[in-house]
Amino acid sequence: AITAALYLEAFVDEGISWSHFDIMAWNNR
């Protein structure tokens, strides 16, 4: 999950406040 986020961060320009949510989007119970 960290390496995926770091990959995405490489495409966000410096100085921009960026947050990335890695979600399930599904209730298993």
PDB file of all heavy atoms in Angstrom:
ATOM      1  N   ALA A   1       0.833  -1.205   0.000  1.00  0.00           N
ATOM      2  CA  ALA A   1       0.000   0.000   0.000  1.00  0.00           C
ATOM      3  C   ALA A   1       0.867   1.254   0.000  1.00  0.00           C
ATOM      4  O   ALA A   1       0.512   2.273  -0.612  1.00  0.00           O
ATOM      5  CB  ALA A   1      -0.930  -0.004   1.208  1.00  0.00           C
ATOM      6  N   ILE A   2       2.019   1.175   0.675  1.00  0.00           N
ATOM      7  CA  ILE A   2       2.919   2.329   0.734  1.00  0.00           C
ATOM      8  C   ILE A   2       3.572   2.571  -0.616  1.00  0.00           C
ATOM      9  O   ILE A   2       3.629   3.710  -1.101  1.00  0.00           O
ATOM     10  CB  ILE A   2       3.987   2.125   1.825  1.00  0.00           C
ATOM     11  CG1 ILE A   2       3.329   1.965   3.196  1.00  0.00           C
ATOM     12  CG2 ILE A   2       4.974   3.291   1.832  1.00  0.00           C
ATOM     13  CD1 ILE A   2       4.302   1.617   4.313  1.00  0.00           C
ATOM     14  N   THR A   3       4.070   1.520  -1.255  1.00  0.00           N
ATOM     15  CA  THR A   3       4.715   1.710  -2.553  1.00  0.00           C
ATOM     16  C   THR A   3       3.713   2.201  -3.594  1.00  0.00           C
ATOM     17  O   THR A   3       4.053   3.005  -4.468  1.00  0.00           O
ATOM     18  CB  THR A   3       5.398   0.422  -3.031  1.00  0.00           C
ATOM     19  OG1 THR A   3       4.462  -0.666  -3.015  1.00  0.00           O
ATOM     20  CG2 THR A   3       6.586   0.075  -2.144  1.00  0.00           C
ATOM     21  N   ALA A   4       2.458   1.745  -3.503  1.00  0.00           N
ATOM     22  CA  ALA A   4       1.438   2.241  -4.427  1.00  0.00           C
ATOM     23  C   ALA A   4       1.199   3.733  -4.207  1.00  0.00           C
ATOM     24  O   ALA A   4       1.071   4.506  -5.163  1.00  0.00           O
ATOM     25  CB  ALA A   4       0.138   1.466  -4.240  1.00  0.00           C
ATOM     26  N   ALA A   5       1.135   4.159  -2.945  1.00  0.00           N
ATOM     27  CA  ALA A   5       0.928   5.570  -2.646  1.00  0.00           C
ATOM     28  C   ALA A   5       2.118   6.410  -3.105  1.00  0.00           C
ATOM     29  O   ALA A   5       1.947   7.520  -3.641  1.00  0.00           O
ATOM     30  CB  ALA A   5       0.693   5.762  -1.151  1.00  0.00           C
ATOM     31  N   LEU A   6       3.326   5.897  -2.903  1.00  0.00           N
ATOM     32  CA  LEU A   6       4.514   6.623  -3.348  1.00  0.00           C
ATOM     33  C   LEU A   6       4.558   6.748  -4.865  1.00  0.00           C
ATOM     34  O   LEU A   6       5.003   7.765  -5.408  1.00  0.00           O
ATOM     35  CB  LEU A   6       5.769   5.933  -2.821  1.00  0.00           C
ATOM     36  CG  LEU A   6       5.984   6.024  -1.311  1.00  0.00           C
ATOM     37  CD1 LEU A   6       7.075   5.067  -0.862  1.00  0.00           C
ATOM     38  CD2 LEU A   6       6.334   7.459  -0.904  1.00  0.00           C
ATOM     39  N   TYR A   7       4.095   5.709  -5.553  1.00  0.00           N
ATOM     40  CA  TYR A   7       3.989   5.782  -7.008  1.00  0.00           C
ATOM     41  C   TYR A   7       3.058   6.934  -7.391  1.00  0.00           C
ATOM     42  O   TYR A   7       3.384   7.764  -8.247  1.00  0.00           O
ATOM     43  CB  TYR A   7       3.464   4.461  -7.559  1.00  0.00           C
ATOM     44  CG  TYR A   7       3.106   4.494  -9.028  1.00  0.00           C
ATOM     45  CD1 TYR A   7       4.013   4.079  -9.985  1.00  0.00           C
ATOM     46  CD2 TYR A   7       1.857   4.954  -9.457  1.00  0.00           C
ATOM     47  CE1 TYR A   7       3.692   4.117 -11.341  1.00  0.00           C
ATOM     48  CE2 TYR A   7       1.528   5.008 -10.799  1.00  0.00           C
ATOM     49  CZ  TYR A   7       2.443   4.588 -11.734  1.00  0.00           C
ATOM     50  OH  TYR A   7       2.124   4.642 -13.069  1.00  0.00           O
ATOM     51  N   LEU A   8       1.884   7.015  -6.764  1.00  0.00           N
ATOM     52  CA  LEU A   8       0.931   8.072  -7.099  1.00  0.00           C
ATOM     53  C   LEU A   8       1.491   9.457  -6.765  1.00  0.00           C
ATOM     54  O   LEU A   8       1.282  10.417  -7.520  1.00  0.00           O
ATOM     55  CB  LEU A   8      -0.378   7.850  -6.336  1.00  0.00           C
ATOM     56  CG  LEU A   8      -1.187   6.610  -6.716  1.00  0.00           C
ATOM     57  CD1 LEU A   8      -2.447   6.525  -5.836  1.00  0.00           C
ATOM     58  CD2 LEU A   8      -1.578   6.620  -8.187  1.00  0.00           C
ATOM     59  N   GLU A   9       2.200   9.543  -5.655  1.00  0.00           N
ATOM     60  CA  GLU A   9       2.730  10.844  -5.244  1.00  0.00           C
ATOM     61  C   GLU A   9       3.679  11.426  -6.285  1.00  0.00           C
ATOM     62  O   GLU A   9       3.782  12.652  -6.428  1.00  0.00           O
ATOM     63  CB  GLU A   9       3.443  10.730  -3.893  1.00  0.00           C
ATOM     64  CG  GLU A   9       3.856  12.079  -3.323  1.00  0.00           C
ATOM     65  CD  GLU A   9       4.623  11.959  -2.018  1.00  0.00           C
ATOM     66  OE1 GLU A   9       5.302  10.935  -1.808  1.00  0.00           O
ATOM     67  OE2 GLU A   9       4.540  12.899  -1.203  1.00  0.00           O
ATOM     68  N   ALA A  10       4.342  10.551  -7.042  1.00  0.00           N
ATOM     69  CA  ALA A  10       5.275  11.018  -8.073  1.00  0.00           C
ATOM     70  C   ALA A  10       4.572  11.830  -9.154  1.00  0.00           C
ATOM     71  O   ALA A  10       5.224  12.566  -9.910  1.00  0.00           O
ATOM     72  CB  ALA A  10       6.000   9.825  -8.694  1.00  0.00           C
ATOM     73  N   PHE A  11       3.250  11.725  -9.237  1.00  0.00           N
ATOM     74  CA  PHE A  11       2.494  12.421 -10.283  1.00  0.00           C
ATOM     75  C   PHE A  11       1.747  13.644  -9.755  1.00  0.00           C
ATOM     76  O   PHE A  11       1.001  14.282 -10.485  1.00  0.00           O
ATOM     77  CB  PHE A  11       1.522  11.445 -10.942  1.00  0.00           C
ATOM     78  CG  PHE A  11       2.230  10.310 -11.639  1.00  0.00           C
ATOM     79  CD1 PHE A  11       2.572   9.163 -10.940  1.00  0.00           C
ATOM     80  CD2 PHE A  11       2.588  10.424 -12.960  1.00  0.00           C
ATOM     81  CE1 PHE A  11       3.255   8.130 -11.565  1.00  0.00           C
ATOM     82  CE2 PHE A  11       3.269   9.397 -13.600  1.00  0.00           C
ATOM     83  CZ  PHE A  11       3.608   8.259 -12.902  1.00  0.00           C
ATOM     84  N   VAL A  12       1.962  13.962  -8.482  1.00  0.00           N
ATOM     85  CA  VAL A  12       1.365  15.150  -7.867  1.00  0.00           C
ATOM     86  C   VAL A  12       2.445  16.213  -7.752  1.00  0.00           C
ATOM     87  O   VAL A  12       3.518  15.965  -7.199  1.00  0.00           O
ATOM     88  CB  VAL A  12       0.791  14.814  -6.474  1.00  0.00           C
ATOM     89  CG1 VAL A  12       0.240  16.074  -5.810  1.00  0.00           C
ATOM     90  CG2 VAL A  12      -0.292  13.746  -6.585  1.00  0.00           C
ATOM     91  N   ASP A  13       2.177  17.392  -8.276  1.00  0.00           N
ATOM     92  CA  ASP A  13       3.169  18.466  -8.235  1.00  0.00           C
ATOM     93  C   ASP A  13       3.483  18.876  -6.805  1.00  0.00           C
ATOM     94  O   ASP A  13       2.602  18.849  -5.919  1.00  0.00           O
ATOM     95  CB  ASP A  13       2.668  19.689  -9.004  1.00  0.00           C
ATOM     96  CG  ASP A  13       2.667  19.481 -10.511  1.00  0.00           C
ATOM     97  OD1 ASP A  13       3.177  18.433 -10.964  1.00  0.00           O
ATOM     98  OD2 ASP A  13       2.158  20.368 -11.227  1.00  0.00           O
ATOM     99  N   GLU A  14       4.724  19.263  -6.592  1.00  0.00           N
ATOM    100  CA  GLU A  14       5.147  19.728  -5.271  1.00  0.00           C
ATOM    101  C   GLU A  14       4.336  20.959  -4.866  1.00  0.00           C
ATOM    102  O   GLU A  14       3.969  21.784  -5.690  1.00  0.00           O
ATOM    103  CB  GLU A  14       6.636  20.063  -5.276  1.00  0.00           C
ATOM    104  CG  GLU A  14       7.538  18.836  -5.372  1.00  0.00           C
ATOM    105  CD  GLU A  14       9.005  19.197  -5.185  1.00  0.00           C
ATOM    106  OE1 GLU A  14       9.271  20.321  -4.685  1.00  0.00           O
ATOM    107  OE2 GLU A  14       9.869  18.376  -5.529  1.00  0.00           O
ATOM    108  N   GLY A  15       4.064  21.046  -3.583  1.00  0.00           N
ATOM    109  CA  GLY A  15       3.341  22.195  -3.054  1.00  0.00           C
ATOM    110  C   GLY A  15       1.838  22.017  -3.005  1.00  0.00           C
ATOM    111  O   GLY A  15       1.134  22.876  -2.472  1.00  0.00           O
ATOM    112  N   ILE A  16       1.326  20.904  -3.563  1.00  0.00           N
ATOM    113  CA  ILE A  16      -0.111  20.647  -3.536  1.00  0.00           C
ATOM    114  C   ILE A  16      -0.436  19.741  -2.346  1.00  0.00           C
ATOM    115  O   ILE A  16       0.209  18.704  -2.148  1.00  0.00           O
ATOM    116  CB  ILE A  16      -0.583  19.982  -4.848  1.00  0.00           C
ATOM    117  CG1 ILE A  16      -0.432  20.961  -6.009  1.00  0.00           C
ATOM    118  CG2 ILE A  16      -2.031  19.506  -4.735  1.00  0.00           C
ATOM    119  CD1 ILE A  16      -0.783  20.380  -7.359  1.00  0.00           C
ATOM    120  N   SER A  17      -1.409  20.136  -1.561  1.00  0.00           N
ATOM    121  CA  SER A  17      -1.864  19.314  -0.438  1.00  0.00           C
ATOM    122  C   SER A  17      -2.664  18.143  -0.996  1.00  0.00           C
ATOM    123  O   SER A  17      -3.749  18.326  -1.550  1.00  0.00           O
ATOM    124  CB  SER A  17      -2.728  20.149   0.512  1.00  0.00           C
ATOM    125  OG  SER A  17      -3.277  19.338   1.532  1.00  0.00           O
ATOM    126  N   TRP A  18      -2.126  16.937  -0.810  1.00  0.00           N
ATOM    127  CA  TRP A  18      -2.697  15.733  -1.440  1.00  0.00           C
ATOM    128  C   TRP A  18      -2.912  14.645  -0.404  1.00  0.00           C
ATOM    129  O   TRP A  18      -2.063  14.394   0.455  1.00  0.00           O
ATOM    130  CB  TRP A  18      -1.757  15.230  -2.533  1.00  0.00           C
ATOM    131  CG  TRP A  18      -2.043  13.846  -3.037  1.00  0.00           C
ATOM    132  CD1 TRP A  18      -3.089  13.437  -3.802  1.00  0.00           C
ATOM    133  CD2 TRP A  18      -1.240  12.675  -2.808  1.00  0.00           C
ATOM    134  NE1 TRP A  18      -2.994  12.088  -4.079  1.00  0.00           N
ATOM    135  CE2 TRP A  18      -1.873  11.596  -3.477  1.00  0.00           C
ATOM    136  CE3 TRP A  18      -0.052  12.435  -2.116  1.00  0.00           C
ATOM    137  CZ2 TRP A  18      -1.353  10.296  -3.464  1.00  0.00           C
ATOM    138  CZ3 TRP A  18       0.468  11.149  -2.105  1.00  0.00           C
ATOM    139  CH2 TRP A  18      -0.191  10.091  -2.766  1.00  0.00           C
ATOM    140  N   SER A  19      -4.076  14.012  -0.481  1.00  0.00           N
ATOM    141  CA  SER A  19      -4.371  12.854   0.369  1.00  0.00           C
ATOM    142  C   SER A  19      -4.932  11.743  -0.512  1.00  0.00           C
ATOM    143  O   SER A  19      -5.708  12.003  -1.435  1.00  0.00           O
ATOM    144  CB  SER A  19      -5.374  13.212   1.464  1.00  0.00           C
ATOM    145  OG  SER A  19      -4.848  14.203   2.334  1.00  0.00           O
ATOM    146  N   HIS A  20      -4.554  10.518  -0.199  1.00  0.00           N
ATOM    147  CA  HIS A  20      -4.928   9.348  -1.001  1.00  0.00           C
ATOM    148  C   HIS A  20      -5.574   8.304  -0.098  1.00  0.00           C
ATOM    149  O   HIS A  20      -4.960   7.847   0.878  1.00  0.00           O
ATOM    150  CB  HIS A  20      -3.676   8.778  -1.685  1.00  0.00           C
ATOM    151  CG  HIS A  20      -3.771   7.336  -2.048  1.00  0.00           C
ATOM    152  ND1 HIS A  20      -4.697   6.847  -2.942  1.00  0.00           N
ATOM    153  CD2 HIS A  20      -3.024   6.253  -1.641  1.00  0.00           C
ATOM    154  CE1 HIS A  20      -4.524   5.527  -3.068  1.00  0.00           C
ATOM    155  NE2 HIS A  20      -3.533   5.160  -2.285  1.00  0.00           N
ATOM    156  N   PHE A  21      -6.831   7.943  -0.413  1.00  0.00           N
ATOM    157  CA  PHE A  21      -7.569   6.955   0.366  1.00  0.00           C
ATOM    158  C   PHE A  21      -7.579   5.617  -0.363  1.00  0.00           C
ATOM    159  O   PHE A  21      -8.003   5.530  -1.516  1.00  0.00           O
ATOM    160  CB  PHE A  21      -9.005   7.431   0.613  1.00  0.00           C
ATOM    161  CG  PHE A  21      -9.116   8.477   1.677  1.00  0.00           C
ATOM    162  CD1 PHE A  21      -8.796   9.794   1.392  1.00  0.00           C
ATOM    163  CD2 PHE A  21      -9.502   8.140   2.960  1.00  0.00           C
ATOM    164  CE1 PHE A  21      -8.879  10.771   2.370  1.00  0.00           C
ATOM    165  CE2 PHE A  21      -9.581   9.105   3.950  1.00  0.00           C
ATOM    166  CZ  PHE A  21      -9.275  10.425   3.654  1.00  0.00           C
ATOM    167  N   ASP A  22      -7.112   4.592   0.325  1.00  0.00           N
ATOM    168  CA  ASP A  22      -7.090   3.219  -0.199  1.00  0.00           C
ATOM    169  C   ASP A  22      -8.191   2.459   0.536  1.00  0.00           C
ATOM    170  O   ASP A  22      -8.047   2.107   1.709  1.00  0.00           O
ATOM    171  CB  ASP A  22      -5.709   2.612   0.066  1.00  0.00           C
ATOM    172  CG  ASP A  22      -5.492   1.283  -0.645  1.00  0.00           C
ATOM    173  OD1 ASP A  22      -6.493   0.606  -0.969  1.00  0.00           O
ATOM    174  OD2 ASP A  22      -4.324   0.904  -0.861  1.00  0.00           O
ATOM    175  N   ILE A  23      -9.300   2.191  -0.142  1.00  0.00           N
ATOM    176  CA  ILE A  23     -10.535   1.751   0.514  1.00  0.00           C
ATOM    177  C   ILE A  23     -10.987   0.383   0.015  1.00  0.00           C
ATOM    178  O   ILE A  23     -10.592  -0.071  -1.062  1.00  0.00           O
ATOM    179  CB  ILE A  23     -11.664   2.773   0.266  1.00  0.00           C
ATOM    180  CG1 ILE A  23     -11.825   3.007  -1.240  1.00  0.00           C
ATOM    181  CG2 ILE A  23     -11.389   4.074   1.003  1.00  0.00           C
ATOM    182  CD1 ILE A  23     -13.035   3.788  -1.634  1.00  0.00           C
ATOM    183  N   MET A  24     -11.848  -0.250   0.778  1.00  0.00           N
ATOM    184  CA  MET A  24     -12.442  -1.525   0.403  1.00  0.00           C
ATOM    185  C   MET A  24     -13.709  -1.327  -0.435  1.00  0.00           C
ATOM    186  O   MET A  24     -13.968  -2.068  -1.370  1.00  0.00           O
ATOM    187  CB  MET A  24     -12.787  -2.332   1.666  1.00  0.00           C
ATOM    188  CG  MET A  24     -13.452  -3.676   1.402  1.00  0.00           C
ATOM    189  SD  MET A  24     -12.349  -4.844   0.591  1.00  0.00           S
ATOM    190  CE  MET A  24     -13.377  -6.316   0.587  1.00  0.00           C
ATOM    191  N   ALA A  25     -14.539  -0.360  -0.049  1.00  0.00           N
ATOM    192  CA  ALA A  25     -15.807  -0.040  -0.733  1.00  0.00           C
ATOM    193  C   ALA A  25     -16.831  -1.165  -0.636  1.00  0.00           C
ATOM    194  O   ALA A  25     -17.804  -1.177  -1.386  1.00  0.00           O
ATOM    195  CB  ALA A  25     -15.574   0.326  -2.204  1.00  0.00           C
ATOM    196  N   TRP A  26     -16.649  -2.078   0.303  1.00  0.00           N
ATOM    197  CA  TRP A  26     -17.529  -3.247   0.384  1.00  0.00           C
ATOM    198  C   TRP A  26     -17.596  -3.735   1.828  1.00  0.00           C
ATOM    199  O   TRP A  26     -16.572  -3.848   2.507  1.00  0.00           O
ATOM    200  CB  TRP A  26     -16.989  -4.361  -0.501  1.00  0.00           C
ATOM    201  CG  TRP A  26     -17.916  -5.522  -0.694  1.00  0.00           C
ATOM    202  CD1 TRP A  26     -17.956  -6.681   0.034  1.00  0.00           C
ATOM    203  CD2 TRP A  26     -18.933  -5.642  -1.691  1.00  0.00           C
ATOM    204  NE1 TRP A  26     -18.934  -7.508  -0.448  1.00  0.00           N
ATOM    205  CE2 TRP A  26     -19.550  -6.911  -1.519  1.00  0.00           C
ATOM    206  CE3 TRP A  26     -19.384  -4.817  -2.714  1.00  0.00           C
ATOM    207  CZ2 TRP A  26     -20.601  -7.349  -2.317  1.00  0.00           C
ATOM    208  CZ3 TRP A  26     -20.417  -5.259  -3.525  1.00  0.00           C
ATOM    209  CH2 TRP A  26     -21.019  -6.513  -3.323  1.00  0.00           C
ATOM    210  N   ASN A  27     -18.807  -4.022   2.296  1.00  0.00           N
ATOM    211  CA  ASN A  27     -19.002  -4.656   3.604  1.00  0.00           C
ATOM    212  C   ASN A  27     -19.008  -6.169   3.430  1.00  0.00           C
ATOM    213  O   ASN A  27     -19.861  -6.711   2.728  1.00  0.00           O
ATOM    214  CB  ASN A  27     -20.339  -4.230   4.217  1.00  0.00           C
ATOM    215  CG  ASN A  27     -20.325  -2.798   4.707  1.00  0.00           C
ATOM    216  OD1 ASN A  27     -19.326  -2.334   5.253  1.00  0.00           O
ATOM    217  ND2 ASN A  27     -21.423  -2.087   4.509  1.00  0.00           N
ATOM    218  N   ASN A  28     -18.096  -6.830   4.093  1.00  0.00           N
ATOM    219  CA  ASN A  28     -18.061  -8.297   4.061  1.00  0.00           C
ATOM    220  C   ASN A  28     -19.000  -8.926   5.085  1.00  0.00           C
ATOM    221  O   ASN A  28     -19.282 -10.124   5.013  1.00  0.00           O
ATOM    222  CB  ASN A  28     -16.642  -8.797   4.313  1.00  0.00           C
ATOM    223  CG  ASN A  28     -15.778  -8.681   3.083  1.00  0.00           C
ATOM    224  OD1 ASN A  28     -16.263  -8.743   1.953  1.00  0.00           O
ATOM    225  ND2 ASN A  28     -14.483  -8.493   3.284  1.00  0.00           N
ATOM    226  N   ARG A  29     -19.456  -8.131   6.042  1.00  0.00           N
ATOM    227  CA  ARG A  29     -20.390  -8.634   7.052  1.00  0.00           C
ATOM    228  C   ARG A  29     -21.431  -7.560   7.316  1.00  0.00           C
ATOM    229  O   ARG A  29     -21.187  -6.366   7.114  1.00  0.00           O
ATOM    230  CB  ARG A  29     -19.669  -9.006   8.342  1.00  0.00           C
ATOM    231  CG  ARG A  29     -18.957  -7.835   9.008  1.00  0.00           C
ATOM    232  CD  ARG A  29     -18.422  -8.189  10.374  1.00  0.00           C
ATOM    233  NE  ARG A  29     -17.694  -7.070  10.982  1.00  0.00           N
ATOM    234  CZ  ARG A  29     -17.414  -6.979  12.277  1.00  0.00           C
ATOM    235  NH1 ARG A  29     -17.783  -7.947  13.100  1.00  0.00           N
ATOM    236  NH2 ARG A  29     -16.750  -5.938  12.755  1.00  0.00           N
TER     237      ARG A  29
END
